[in-house]
């Protein structure tokens, strides 16, 4: 395997890991469940995809890379839907929003 592919794989793995750590920091620092869902979904989805692409470059086998691509596709499909459902359920359960929340787009749908 060439050195350029090794470096690219390492950069992708490192970038994905940094995004996963930033998602964890966002879960600790953001004020309410809605902001935390945003942090967890956005950062970890992109982070996982970067890690998967880095691993696919590192492995080099087309069959294993296809399996990793399937993991990335399923992550892109399921994570936003799950976050939307958790957010909607939290809103309907009456979870308080942060004082810093400027717009309540679901305000009319609560009834």
PDB file of N, CA and C in Angstrom:
ATOM      1  N   UNK A   1       0.854  -1.170   0.000  1.00  0.00           N
ATOM      2  CA  UNK A   1       0.000   0.000   0.000  1.00  0.00           C
ATOM      3  C   UNK A   1       0.901   1.236   0.000  1.00  0.00           C
ATOM      4  N   UNK A   2       0.514   2.224  -0.775  1.00  0.00           N
ATOM      5  CA  UNK A   2       1.376   3.399  -0.906  1.00  0.00           C
ATOM      6  C   UNK A   2       1.290   4.293   0.326  1.00  0.00           C
ATOM      7  N   UNK A   3       2.295   5.110   0.468  1.00  0.00           N
ATOM      8  CA  UNK A   3       2.351   6.017   1.622  1.00  0.00           C
ATOM      9  C   UNK A   3       1.251   7.063   1.559  1.00  0.00           C
ATOM     10  N   UNK A   4       0.875   7.493   0.360  1.00  0.00           N
ATOM     11  CA  UNK A   4      -0.180   8.505   0.223  1.00  0.00           C
ATOM     12  C   UNK A   4      -1.521   7.968   0.711  1.00  0.00           C
ATOM     13  N   UNK A   5      -1.814   6.711   0.402  1.00  0.00           N
ATOM     14  CA  UNK A   5      -3.069   6.110   0.864  1.00  0.00           C
ATOM     15  C   UNK A   5      -3.039   5.935   2.375  1.00  0.00           C
ATOM     16  N   UNK A   6      -1.905   5.547   2.914  1.00  0.00           N
ATOM     17  CA  UNK A   6      -1.768   5.414   4.370  1.00  0.00           C
ATOM     18  C   UNK A   6      -2.005   6.749   5.070  1.00  0.00           C
ATOM     19  N   UNK A   7      -1.435   7.813   4.524  1.00  0.00           N
ATOM     20  CA  UNK A   7      -1.604   9.142   5.119  1.00  0.00           C
ATOM     21  C   UNK A   7      -3.055   9.587   5.007  1.00  0.00           C
ATOM     22  N   UNK A   8      -3.675   9.374   3.846  1.00  0.00           N
ATOM     23  CA  UNK A   8      -5.079   9.755   3.669  1.00  0.00           C
ATOM     24  C   UNK A   8      -5.972   8.987   4.641  1.00  0.00           C
ATOM     25  N   UNK A   9      -5.721   7.696   4.805  1.00  0.00           N
ATOM     26  CA  UNK A   9      -6.510   6.896   5.741  1.00  0.00           C
ATOM     27  C   UNK A   9      -6.326   7.391   7.169  1.00  0.00           C
ATOM     28  N   UNK A  10      -5.097   7.714   7.535  1.00  0.00           N
ATOM     29  CA  UNK A  10      -4.836   8.212   8.890  1.00  0.00           C
ATOM     30  C   UNK A  10      -5.520   9.548   9.130  1.00  0.00           C
ATOM     31  N   UNK A  11      -5.498  10.428   8.133  1.00  0.00           N
ATOM     32  CA  UNK A  11      -6.149  11.739   8.274  1.00  0.00           C
ATOM     33  C   UNK A  11      -7.656  11.564   8.424  1.00  0.00           C
ATOM     34  N   UNK A  12      -8.255  10.688   7.617  1.00  0.00           N
ATOM     35  CA  UNK A  12      -9.695  10.452   7.723  1.00  0.00           C
ATOM     36  C   UNK A  12     -10.063   9.848   9.081  1.00  0.00           C
ATOM     37  N   UNK A  13      -9.281   8.891   9.543  1.00  0.00           N
ATOM     38  CA  UNK A  13      -9.552   8.283  10.848  1.00  0.00           C
ATOM     39  C   UNK A  13      -9.420   9.300  11.974  1.00  0.00           C
ATOM     40  N   UNK A  14      -8.406  10.133  11.900  1.00  0.00           N
ATOM     41  CA  UNK A  14      -8.210  11.151  12.927  1.00  0.00           C
ATOM     42  C   UNK A  14      -9.328  12.192  12.899  1.00  0.00           C
ATOM     43  N   UNK A  15      -9.707  12.643  11.704  1.00  0.00           N
ATOM     44  CA  UNK A  15     -10.779  13.637  11.591  1.00  0.00           C
ATOM     45  C   UNK A  15     -12.104  13.076  12.110  1.00  0.00           C
ATOM     46  N   UNK A  16     -12.404  11.833  11.781  1.00  0.00           N
ATOM     47  CA  UNK A  16     -13.625  11.211  12.285  1.00  0.00           C
ATOM     48  C   UNK A  16     -13.616  11.064  13.793  1.00  0.00           C
ATOM     49  N   UNK A  17     -12.471  10.729  14.345  1.00  0.00           N
ATOM     50  CA  UNK A  17     -12.352  10.608  15.800  1.00  0.00           C
ATOM     51  C   UNK A  17     -12.523  11.953  16.484  1.00  0.00           C
ATOM     52  N   UNK A  18     -11.966  12.997  15.898  1.00  0.00           N
ATOM     53  CA  UNK A  18     -12.116  14.344  16.467  1.00  0.00           C
ATOM     54  C   UNK A  18     -13.585  14.756  16.456  1.00  0.00           C
ATOM     55  N   UNK A  19     -14.296  14.472  15.367  1.00  0.00           N
ATOM     56  CA  UNK A  19     -15.720  14.806  15.324  1.00  0.00           C
ATOM     57  C   UNK A  19     -16.514  14.026  16.367  1.00  0.00           C
ATOM     58  N   UNK A  20     -16.167  12.775  16.594  1.00  0.00           N
ATOM     59  CA  UNK A  20     -16.856  11.993  17.618  1.00  0.00           C
ATOM     60  C   UNK A  20     -16.611  12.570  19.008  1.00  0.00           C
ATOM     61  N   UNK A  21     -15.390  13.007  19.271  1.00  0.00           N
ATOM     62  CA  UNK A  21     -15.085  13.635  20.564  1.00  0.00           C
ATOM     63  C   UNK A  21     -15.838  14.955  20.701  1.00  0.00           C
ATOM     64  N   UNK A  22     -15.893  15.735  19.620  1.00  0.00           N
ATOM     65  CA  UNK A  22     -16.632  16.999  19.669  1.00  0.00           C
ATOM     66  C   UNK A  22     -18.123  16.767  19.916  1.00  0.00           C
ATOM     67  N   UNK A  23     -18.666  15.680  19.392  1.00  0.00           N
ATOM     68  CA  UNK A  23     -20.061  15.347  19.674  1.00  0.00           C
ATOM     69  C   UNK A  23     -20.251  15.072  21.162  1.00  0.00           C
ATOM     70  N   UNK A  24     -19.309  14.376  21.761  1.00  0.00           N
ATOM     71  CA  UNK A  24     -19.380  14.131  23.205  1.00  0.00           C
ATOM     72  C   UNK A  24     -19.293  15.408  24.013  1.00  0.00           C
ATOM     73  N   UNK A  25     -18.436  16.321  23.583  1.00  0.00           N
ATOM     74  CA  UNK A  25     -18.337  17.622  24.259  1.00  0.00           C
ATOM     75  C   UNK A  25     -19.650  18.383  24.117  1.00  0.00           C
ATOM     76  N   UNK A  26     -20.250  18.325  22.927  1.00  0.00           N
ATOM     77  CA  UNK A  26     -21.534  18.991  22.713  1.00  0.00           C
ATOM     78  C   UNK A  26     -22.630  18.421  23.591  1.00  0.00           C
ATOM     79  N   UNK A  27     -22.604  17.110  23.811  1.00  0.00           N
ATOM     80  CA  UNK A  27     -23.599  16.501  24.693  1.00  0.00           C
ATOM     81  C   UNK A  27     -23.470  17.013  26.120  1.00  0.00           C
ATOM     82  N   UNK A  28     -22.260  17.322  26.536  1.00  0.00           N
ATOM     83  CA  UNK A  28     -22.049  17.830  27.888  1.00  0.00           C
ATOM     84  C   UNK A  28     -22.358  19.318  28.018  1.00  0.00           C
ATOM     85  N   UNK A  29     -22.070  20.085  26.988  1.00  0.00           N
ATOM     86  CA  UNK A  29     -22.129  21.538  27.110  1.00  0.00           C
ATOM     87  C   UNK A  29     -23.450  22.164  26.674  1.00  0.00           C
ATOM     88  N   UNK A  30     -24.168  21.552  25.747  1.00  0.00           N
ATOM     89  CA  UNK A  30     -25.384  22.182  25.240  1.00  0.00           C
ATOM     90  C   UNK A  30     -26.480  22.163  26.300  1.00  0.00           C
ATOM     91  N   UNK A  31     -27.358  23.177  26.297  1.00  0.00           N
ATOM     92  CA  UNK A  31     -28.263  23.387  27.423  1.00  0.00           C
ATOM     93  C   UNK A  31     -29.500  22.495  27.472  1.00  0.00           C
ATOM     94  N   UNK A  32     -30.001  22.032  26.336  1.00  0.00           N
ATOM     95  CA  UNK A  32     -31.239  21.255  26.389  1.00  0.00           C
ATOM     96  C   UNK A  32     -31.154  20.044  25.468  1.00  0.00           C
ATOM     97  N   UNK A  33     -32.181  19.214  25.545  1.00  0.00           N
ATOM     98  CA  UNK A  33     -32.169  17.960  24.798  1.00  0.00           C
ATOM     99  C   UNK A  33     -32.140  18.197  23.297  1.00  0.00           C
ATOM    100  N   UNK A  34     -32.744  19.263  22.839  1.00  0.00           N
ATOM    101  CA  UNK A  34     -32.817  19.513  21.403  1.00  0.00           C
ATOM    102  C   UNK A  34     -31.450  19.882  20.826  1.00  0.00           C
ATOM    103  N   UNK A  35     -30.709  20.684  21.522  1.00  0.00           N
ATOM    104  CA  UNK A  35     -29.356  21.024  21.083  1.00  0.00           C
ATOM    105  C   UNK A  35     -28.438  19.814  21.199  1.00  0.00           C
ATOM    106  N   UNK A  36     -28.655  19.002  22.212  1.00  0.00           N
ATOM    107  CA  UNK A  36     -27.825  17.804  22.379  1.00  0.00           C
ATOM    108  C   UNK A  36     -28.070  16.796  21.262  1.00  0.00           C
ATOM    109  N   UNK A  37     -29.320  16.667  20.850  1.00  0.00           N
ATOM    110  CA  UNK A  37     -29.628  15.784  19.724  1.00  0.00           C
ATOM    111  C   UNK A  37     -28.907  16.271  18.475  1.00  0.00           C
ATOM    112  N   UNK A  38     -28.909  17.577  18.278  1.00  0.00           N
ATOM    113  CA  UNK A  38     -28.222  18.162  17.125  1.00  0.00           C
ATOM    114  C   UNK A  38     -26.738  17.811  17.156  1.00  0.00           C
ATOM    115  N   UNK A  39     -26.116  17.984  18.298  1.00  0.00           N
ATOM    116  CA  UNK A  39     -24.681  17.701  18.415  1.00  0.00           C
ATOM    117  C   UNK A  39     -24.391  16.228  18.175  1.00  0.00           C
ATOM    118  N   UNK A  40     -25.188  15.380  18.768  1.00  0.00           N
ATOM    119  CA  UNK A  40     -24.936  13.947  18.645  1.00  0.00           C
ATOM    120  C   UNK A  40     -25.143  13.451  17.224  1.00  0.00           C
ATOM    121  N   UNK A  41     -26.169  13.928  16.562  1.00  0.00           N
ATOM    122  CA  UNK A  41     -26.480  13.418  15.233  1.00  0.00           C
ATOM    123  C   UNK A  41     -25.539  13.952  14.166  1.00  0.00           C
ATOM    124  N   UNK A  42     -25.350  15.250  14.135  1.00  0.00           N
ATOM    125  CA  UNK A  42     -24.541  15.844  13.062  1.00  0.00           C
ATOM    126  C   UNK A  42     -23.088  15.397  13.135  1.00  0.00           C
ATOM    127  N   UNK A  43     -22.493  15.546  14.284  1.00  0.00           N
ATOM    128  CA  UNK A  43     -21.056  15.270  14.400  1.00  0.00           C
ATOM    129  C   UNK A  43     -20.745  13.782  14.303  1.00  0.00           C
ATOM    130  N   UNK A  44     -21.543  12.955  14.937  1.00  0.00           N
ATOM    131  CA  UNK A  44     -21.218  11.531  14.902  1.00  0.00           C
ATOM    132  C   UNK A  44     -21.512  10.909  13.550  1.00  0.00           C
ATOM    133  N   UNK A  45     -22.517  11.401  12.839  1.00  0.00           N
ATOM    134  CA  UNK A  45     -22.788  10.867  11.506  1.00  0.00           C
ATOM    135  C   UNK A  45     -21.622  11.142  10.576  1.00  0.00           C
ATOM    136  N   UNK A  46     -21.190  12.383  10.512  1.00  0.00           N
ATOM    137  CA  UNK A  46     -20.050  12.707   9.657  1.00  0.00           C
ATOM    138  C   UNK A  46     -18.779  12.036  10.172  1.00  0.00           C
ATOM    139  N   UNK A  47     -18.611  11.992  11.484  1.00  0.00           N
ATOM    140  CA  UNK A  47     -17.433  11.347  12.057  1.00  0.00           C
ATOM    141  C   UNK A  47     -17.363   9.873  11.706  1.00  0.00           C
ATOM    142  N   UNK A  48     -18.492   9.182  11.799  1.00  0.00           N
ATOM    143  CA  UNK A  48     -18.500   7.763  11.458  1.00  0.00           C
ATOM    144  C   UNK A  48     -18.205   7.549   9.983  1.00  0.00           C
ATOM    145  N   UNK A  49     -18.745   8.395   9.126  1.00  0.00           N
ATOM    146  CA  UNK A  49     -18.487   8.249   7.694  1.00  0.00           C
ATOM    147  C   UNK A  49     -17.007   8.452   7.392  1.00  0.00           C
ATOM    148  N   UNK A  50     -16.381   9.436   8.029  1.00  0.00           N
ATOM    149  CA  UNK A  50     -14.948   9.641   7.825  1.00  0.00           C
ATOM    150  C   UNK A  50     -14.144   8.439   8.321  1.00  0.00           C
ATOM    151  N   UNK A  51     -14.534   7.894   9.461  1.00  0.00           N
ATOM    152  CA  UNK A  51     -13.845   6.716   9.988  1.00  0.00           C
ATOM    153  C   UNK A  51     -14.031   5.516   9.060  1.00  0.00           C
ATOM    154  N   UNK A  52     -15.230   5.344   8.537  1.00  0.00           N
ATOM    155  CA  UNK A  52     -15.499   4.233   7.621  1.00  0.00           C
ATOM    156  C   UNK A  52     -14.673   4.373   6.342  1.00  0.00           C
ATOM    157  N   UNK A  53     -14.609   5.583   5.780  1.00  0.00           N
ATOM    158  CA  UNK A  53     -13.809   5.769   4.568  1.00  0.00           C
ATOM    159  C   UNK A  53     -12.324   5.565   4.850  1.00  0.00           C
ATOM    160  N   UNK A  54     -11.865   6.025   6.000  1.00  0.00           N
ATOM    161  CA  UNK A  54     -10.475   5.792   6.369  1.00  0.00           C
ATOM    162  C   UNK A  54     -10.170   4.318   6.535  1.00  0.00           C
ATOM    163  N   UNK A  55     -11.092   3.591   7.157  1.00  0.00           N
ATOM    164  CA  UNK A  55     -10.901   2.150   7.326  1.00  0.00           C
ATOM    165  C   UNK A  55     -10.938   1.429   5.981  1.00  0.00           C
ATOM    166  N   UNK A  56     -11.821   1.876   5.081  1.00  0.00           N
ATOM    167  CA  UNK A  56     -11.896   1.259   3.754  1.00  0.00           C
ATOM    168  C   UNK A  56     -10.596   1.469   2.984  1.00  0.00           C
ATOM    169  N   UNK A  57     -10.017   2.658   3.103  1.00  0.00           N
ATOM    170  CA  UNK A  57      -8.725   2.901   2.460  1.00  0.00           C
ATOM    171  C   UNK A  57      -7.644   2.024   3.075  1.00  0.00           C
ATOM    172  N   UNK A  58      -7.688   1.876   4.362  1.00  0.00           N
ATOM    173  CA  UNK A  58      -6.665   1.103   5.078  1.00  0.00           C
ATOM    174  C   UNK A  58      -6.767  -0.382   4.755  1.00  0.00           C
ATOM    175  N   UNK A  59      -7.995  -0.889   4.666  1.00  0.00           N
ATOM    176  CA  UNK A  59      -8.193  -2.310   4.384  1.00  0.00           C
ATOM    177  C   UNK A  59      -7.800  -2.628   2.943  1.00  0.00           C
ATOM    178  N   UNK A  60      -8.336  -1.860   2.004  1.00  0.00           N
ATOM    179  CA  UNK A  60      -7.970  -2.049   0.611  1.00  0.00           C
ATOM    180  C   UNK A  60      -8.736  -3.129  -0.126  1.00  0.00           C
ATOM    181  N   UNK A  61      -9.511  -3.949   0.553  1.00  0.00           N
ATOM    182  CA  UNK A  61     -10.281  -5.008  -0.084  1.00  0.00           C
ATOM    183  C   UNK A  61     -11.639  -4.463  -0.513  1.00  0.00           C
ATOM    184  N   UNK A  62     -12.043  -4.724  -1.756  1.00  0.00           N
ATOM    185  CA  UNK A  62     -13.290  -4.169  -2.284  1.00  0.00           C
ATOM    186  C   UNK A  62     -14.515  -4.728  -1.559  1.00  0.00           C
ATOM    187  N   UNK A  63     -14.504  -5.998  -1.210  1.00  0.00           N
ATOM    188  CA  UNK A  63     -15.644  -6.591  -0.514  1.00  0.00           C
ATOM    189  C   UNK A  63     -15.853  -5.991   0.864  1.00  0.00           C
ATOM    190  N   UNK A  64     -14.770  -5.845   1.596  1.00  0.00           N
ATOM    191  CA  UNK A  64     -14.872  -5.237   2.922  1.00  0.00           C
ATOM    192  C   UNK A  64     -15.222  -3.755   2.824  1.00  0.00           C
ATOM    193  N   UNK A  65     -14.710  -3.078   1.815  1.00  0.00           N
ATOM    194  CA  UNK A  65     -15.039  -1.662   1.616  1.00  0.00           C
ATOM    195  C   UNK A  65     -16.521  -1.498   1.297  1.00  0.00           C
ATOM    196  N   UNK A  66     -17.097  -2.449   0.562  1.00  0.00           N
ATOM    197  CA  UNK A  66     -18.528  -2.393   0.259  1.00  0.00           C
ATOM    198  C   UNK A  66     -19.355  -2.556   1.531  1.00  0.00           C
ATOM    199  N   UNK A  67     -18.925  -3.435   2.418  1.00  0.00           N
ATOM    200  CA  UNK A  67     -19.628  -3.599   3.697  1.00  0.00           C
ATOM    201  C   UNK A  67     -19.541  -2.322   4.530  1.00  0.00           C
ATOM    202  N   UNK A  68     -18.381  -1.705   4.528  1.00  0.00           N
ATOM    203  CA  UNK A  68     -18.222  -0.447   5.261  1.00  0.00           C
ATOM    204  C   UNK A  68     -19.065   0.663   4.640  1.00  0.00           C
ATOM    205  N   UNK A  69     -19.180   0.672   3.312  1.00  0.00           N
ATOM    206  CA  UNK A  69     -20.037   1.659   2.647  1.00  0.00           C
ATOM    207  C   UNK A  69     -21.492   1.453   3.044  1.00  0.00           C
ATOM    208  N   UNK A  70     -21.904   0.209   3.203  1.00  0.00           N
ATOM    209  CA  UNK A  70     -23.265  -0.079   3.657  1.00  0.00           C
ATOM    210  C   UNK A  70     -23.489   0.460   5.067  1.00  0.00           C
ATOM    211  N   UNK A  71     -22.499   0.330   5.918  1.00  0.00           N
ATOM    212  CA  UNK A  71     -22.586   0.893   7.271  1.00  0.00           C
ATOM    213  C   UNK A  71     -22.787   2.403   7.202  1.00  0.00           C
ATOM    214  N   UNK A  72     -22.027   3.075   6.348  1.00  0.00           N
ATOM    215  CA  UNK A  72     -22.140   4.530   6.222  1.00  0.00           C
ATOM    216  C   UNK A  72     -23.513   4.930   5.698  1.00  0.00           C
ATOM    217  N   UNK A  73     -24.019   4.205   4.714  1.00  0.00           N
ATOM    218  CA  UNK A  73     -25.337   4.520   4.154  1.00  0.00           C
ATOM    219  C   UNK A  73     -26.423   4.331   5.206  1.00  0.00           C
ATOM    220  N   UNK A  74     -26.363   3.234   5.932  1.00  0.00           N
ATOM    221  CA  UNK A  74     -27.367   2.996   6.974  1.00  0.00           C
ATOM    222  C   UNK A  74     -27.295   4.046   8.077  1.00  0.00           C
ATOM    223  N   UNK A  75     -26.103   4.498   8.395  1.00  0.00           N
ATOM    224  CA  UNK A  75     -25.954   5.556   9.399  1.00  0.00           C
ATOM    225  C   UNK A  75     -26.607   6.845   8.913  1.00  0.00           C
ATOM    226  N   UNK A  76     -26.394   7.187   7.644  1.00  0.00           N
ATOM    227  CA  UNK A  76     -26.992   8.402   7.095  1.00  0.00           C
ATOM    228  C   UNK A  76     -28.510   8.322   7.051  1.00  0.00           C
ATOM    229  N   UNK A  77     -29.060   7.127   6.912  1.00  0.00           N
ATOM    230  CA  UNK A  77     -30.507   6.973   6.843  1.00  0.00           C
ATOM    231  C   UNK A  77     -31.130   6.949   8.236  1.00  0.00           C
ATOM    232  N   UNK A  78     -30.539   6.203   9.161  1.00  0.00           N
ATOM    233  CA  UNK A  78     -31.201   5.982  10.444  1.00  0.00           C
ATOM    234  C   UNK A  78     -30.959   7.072  11.481  1.00  0.00           C
ATOM    235  N   UNK A  79     -29.786   7.649  11.530  1.00  0.00           N
ATOM    236  CA  UNK A  79     -29.483   8.626  12.587  1.00  0.00           C
ATOM    237  C   UNK A  79     -30.372   9.870  12.524  1.00  0.00           C
ATOM    238  N   UNK A  80     -30.570  10.499  11.372  1.00  0.00           N
ATOM    239  CA  UNK A  80     -31.450  11.673  11.350  1.00  0.00           C
ATOM    240  C   UNK A  80     -32.901  11.339  11.686  1.00  0.00           C
ATOM    241  N   UNK A  81     -33.370  10.183  11.237  1.00  0.00           N
ATOM    242  CA  UNK A  81     -34.748   9.789  11.536  1.00  0.00           C
ATOM    243  C   UNK A  81     -34.908   9.544  13.033  1.00  0.00           C
ATOM    244  N   UNK A  82     -33.966   8.851  13.631  1.00  0.00           N
ATOM    245  CA  UNK A  82     -34.032   8.591  15.071  1.00  0.00           C
ATOM    246  C   UNK A  82     -33.955   9.889  15.865  1.00  0.00           C
ATOM    247  N   UNK A  83     -33.085  10.798  15.456  1.00  0.00           N
ATOM    248  CA  UNK A  83     -32.978  12.081  16.157  1.00  0.00           C
ATOM    249  C   UNK A  83     -34.266  12.881  16.031  1.00  0.00           C
ATOM    250  N   UNK A  84     -34.876  12.848  14.869  1.00  0.00           N
ATOM    251  CA  UNK A  84     -36.145  13.555  14.680  1.00  0.00           C
ATOM    252  C   UNK A  84     -37.231  12.975  15.581  1.00  0.00           C
ATOM    253  N   UNK A  85     -37.293  11.667  15.655  1.00  0.00           N
ATOM    254  CA  UNK A  85     -38.308  11.026  16.493  1.00  0.00           C
ATOM    255  C   UNK A  85     -38.086  11.324  17.980  1.00  0.00           C
ATOM    256  N   UNK A  86     -36.844  11.273  18.431  1.00  0.00           N
ATOM    257  CA  UNK A  86     -36.548  11.586  19.831  1.00  0.00           C
ATOM    258  C   UNK A  86     -36.866  13.050  20.122  1.00  0.00           C
ATOM    259  N   UNK A  87     -36.510  13.932  19.215  1.00  0.00           N
ATOM    260  CA  UNK A  87     -36.811  15.352  19.399  1.00  0.00           C
ATOM    261  C   UNK A  87     -38.300  15.624  19.437  1.00  0.00           C
ATOM    262  N   UNK A  88     -39.037  15.010  18.541  1.00  0.00           N
ATOM    263  CA  UNK A  88     -40.490  15.203  18.506  1.00  0.00           C
ATOM    264  C   UNK A  88     -41.137  14.640  19.767  1.00  0.00           C
ATOM    265  N   UNK A  89     -40.697  13.468  20.208  1.00  0.00           N
ATOM    266  CA  UNK A  89     -41.247  12.880  21.432  1.00  0.00           C
ATOM    267  C   UNK A  89     -40.912  13.737  22.649  1.00  0.00           C
ATOM    268  N   UNK A  90     -39.708  14.276  22.694  1.00  0.00           N
ATOM    269  CA  UNK A  90     -39.325  15.149  23.808  1.00  0.00           C
ATOM    270  C   UNK A  90     -40.174  16.407  23.822  1.00  0.00           C
ATOM    271  N   UNK A  91     -40.425  16.956  22.652  1.00  0.00           N
ATOM    272  CA  UNK A  91     -41.232  18.173  22.575  1.00  0.00           C
ATOM    273  C   UNK A  91     -42.660  17.896  23.025  1.00  0.00           C
ATOM    274  N   UNK A  92     -43.218  16.797  22.547  1.00  0.00           N
ATOM    275  CA  UNK A  92     -44.605  16.478  22.915  1.00  0.00           C
ATOM    276  C   UNK A  92     -44.739  16.101  24.386  1.00  0.00           C
ATOM    277  N   UNK A  93     -43.651  15.620  24.986  1.00  0.00           N
ATOM    278  CA  UNK A  93     -43.676  15.286  26.411  1.00  0.00           C
ATOM    279  C   UNK A  93     -43.560  16.528  27.281  1.00  0.00           C
ATOM    280  N   UNK A  94     -43.319  17.675  26.653  1.00  0.00           N
ATOM    281  CA  UNK A  94     -43.261  18.921  27.404  1.00  0.00           C
ATOM    282  C   UNK A  94     -41.886  19.292  27.912  1.00  0.00           C
ATOM    283  N   UNK A  95     -40.849  18.741  27.319  1.00  0.00           N
ATOM    284  CA  UNK A  95     -39.487  19.073  27.731  1.00  0.00           C
ATOM    285  C   UNK A  95     -39.233  20.555  27.506  1.00  0.00           C
ATOM    286  N   UNK A  96     -38.689  21.197  28.516  1.00  0.00           N
ATOM    287  CA  UNK A  96     -38.429  22.635  28.433  1.00  0.00           C
ATOM    288  C   UNK A  96     -37.302  22.938  27.457  1.00  0.00           C
ATOM    289  N   UNK A  97     -37.497  24.009  26.694  1.00  0.00           N
ATOM    290  CA  UNK A  97     -36.442  24.489  25.810  1.00  0.00           C
ATOM    291  C   UNK A  97     -35.568  25.474  26.567  1.00  0.00           C
ATOM    292  N   UNK A  98     -34.370  25.626  26.091  1.00  0.00           N
ATOM    293  CA  UNK A  98     -33.444  26.582  26.684  1.00  0.00           C
ATOM    294  C   UNK A  98     -33.956  28.005  26.481  1.00  0.00           C
ATOM    295  N   UNK A  99     -33.565  28.897  27.371  1.00  0.00           N
ATOM    296  CA  UNK A  99     -33.931  30.308  27.214  1.00  0.00           C
ATOM    297  C   UNK A  99     -33.295  30.910  25.972  1.00  0.00           C
ATOM    298  N   UNK A 100     -32.214  30.308  25.511  1.00  0.00           N
ATOM    299  CA  UNK A 100     -31.515  30.816  24.329  1.00  0.00           C
ATOM    300  C   UNK A 100     -32.160  30.377  23.021  1.00  0.00           C
ATOM    301  N   UNK A 101     -33.173  29.519  23.082  1.00  0.00           N
ATOM    302  CA  UNK A 101     -33.859  29.094  21.869  1.00  0.00           C
ATOM    303  C   UNK A 101     -34.708  30.242  21.359  1.00  0.00           C
ATOM    304  N   UNK A 102     -34.457  30.653  20.123  1.00  0.00           N
ATOM    305  CA  UNK A 102     -35.121  31.840  19.578  1.00  0.00           C
ATOM    306  C   UNK A 102     -36.431  31.507  18.876  1.00  0.00           C
ATOM    307  N   UNK A 103     -36.516  30.356  18.217  1.00  0.00           N
ATOM    308  CA  UNK A 103     -37.685  30.030  17.409  1.00  0.00           C
ATOM    309  C   UNK A 103     -38.227  28.673  17.834  1.00  0.00           C
ATOM    310  N   UNK A 104     -39.536  28.617  18.035  1.00  0.00           N
ATOM    311  CA  UNK A 104     -40.212  27.361  18.344  1.00  0.00           C
ATOM    312  C   UNK A 104     -41.060  26.993  17.132  1.00  0.00           C
ATOM    313  N   UNK A 105     -40.489  26.238  16.214  1.00  0.00           N
ATOM    314  CA  UNK A 105     -41.186  25.913  14.975  1.00  0.00           C
ATOM    315  C   UNK A 105     -42.320  24.919  15.172  1.00  0.00           C
ATOM    316  N   UNK A 106     -42.313  24.189  16.251  1.00  0.00           N
ATOM    317  CA  UNK A 106     -43.366  23.212  16.501  1.00  0.00           C
ATOM    318  C   UNK A 106     -44.476  23.762  17.387  1.00  0.00           C
ATOM    319  N   UNK A 107     -44.419  25.018  17.744  1.00  0.00           N
ATOM    320  CA  UNK A 107     -45.372  25.606  18.671  1.00  0.00           C
ATOM    321  C   UNK A 107     -46.820  25.429  18.266  1.00  0.00           C
ATOM    322  N   UNK A 108     -47.120  25.507  16.988  1.00  0.00           N
ATOM    323  CA  UNK A 108     -48.496  25.366  16.524  1.00  0.00           C
ATOM    324  C   UNK A 108     -48.926  23.909  16.433  1.00  0.00           C
ATOM    325  N   UNK A 109     -47.976  22.974  16.379  1.00  0.00           N
ATOM    326  CA  UNK A 109     -48.293  21.556  16.218  1.00  0.00           C
ATOM    327  C   UNK A 109     -48.496  20.832  17.540  1.00  0.00           C
ATOM    328  N   UNK A 110     -48.348  21.515  18.642  1.00  0.00           N
ATOM    329  CA  UNK A 110     -48.369  20.844  19.946  1.00  0.00           C
ATOM    330  C   UNK A 110     -49.750  20.316  20.317  1.00  0.00           C
ATOM    331  N   UNK A 111     -50.776  20.915  19.836  1.00  0.00           N
ATOM    332  CA  UNK A 111     -52.133  20.522  20.195  1.00  0.00           C
ATOM    333  C   UNK A 111     -52.500  19.174  19.682  1.00  0.00           C
TER     334      UNK A 111
END
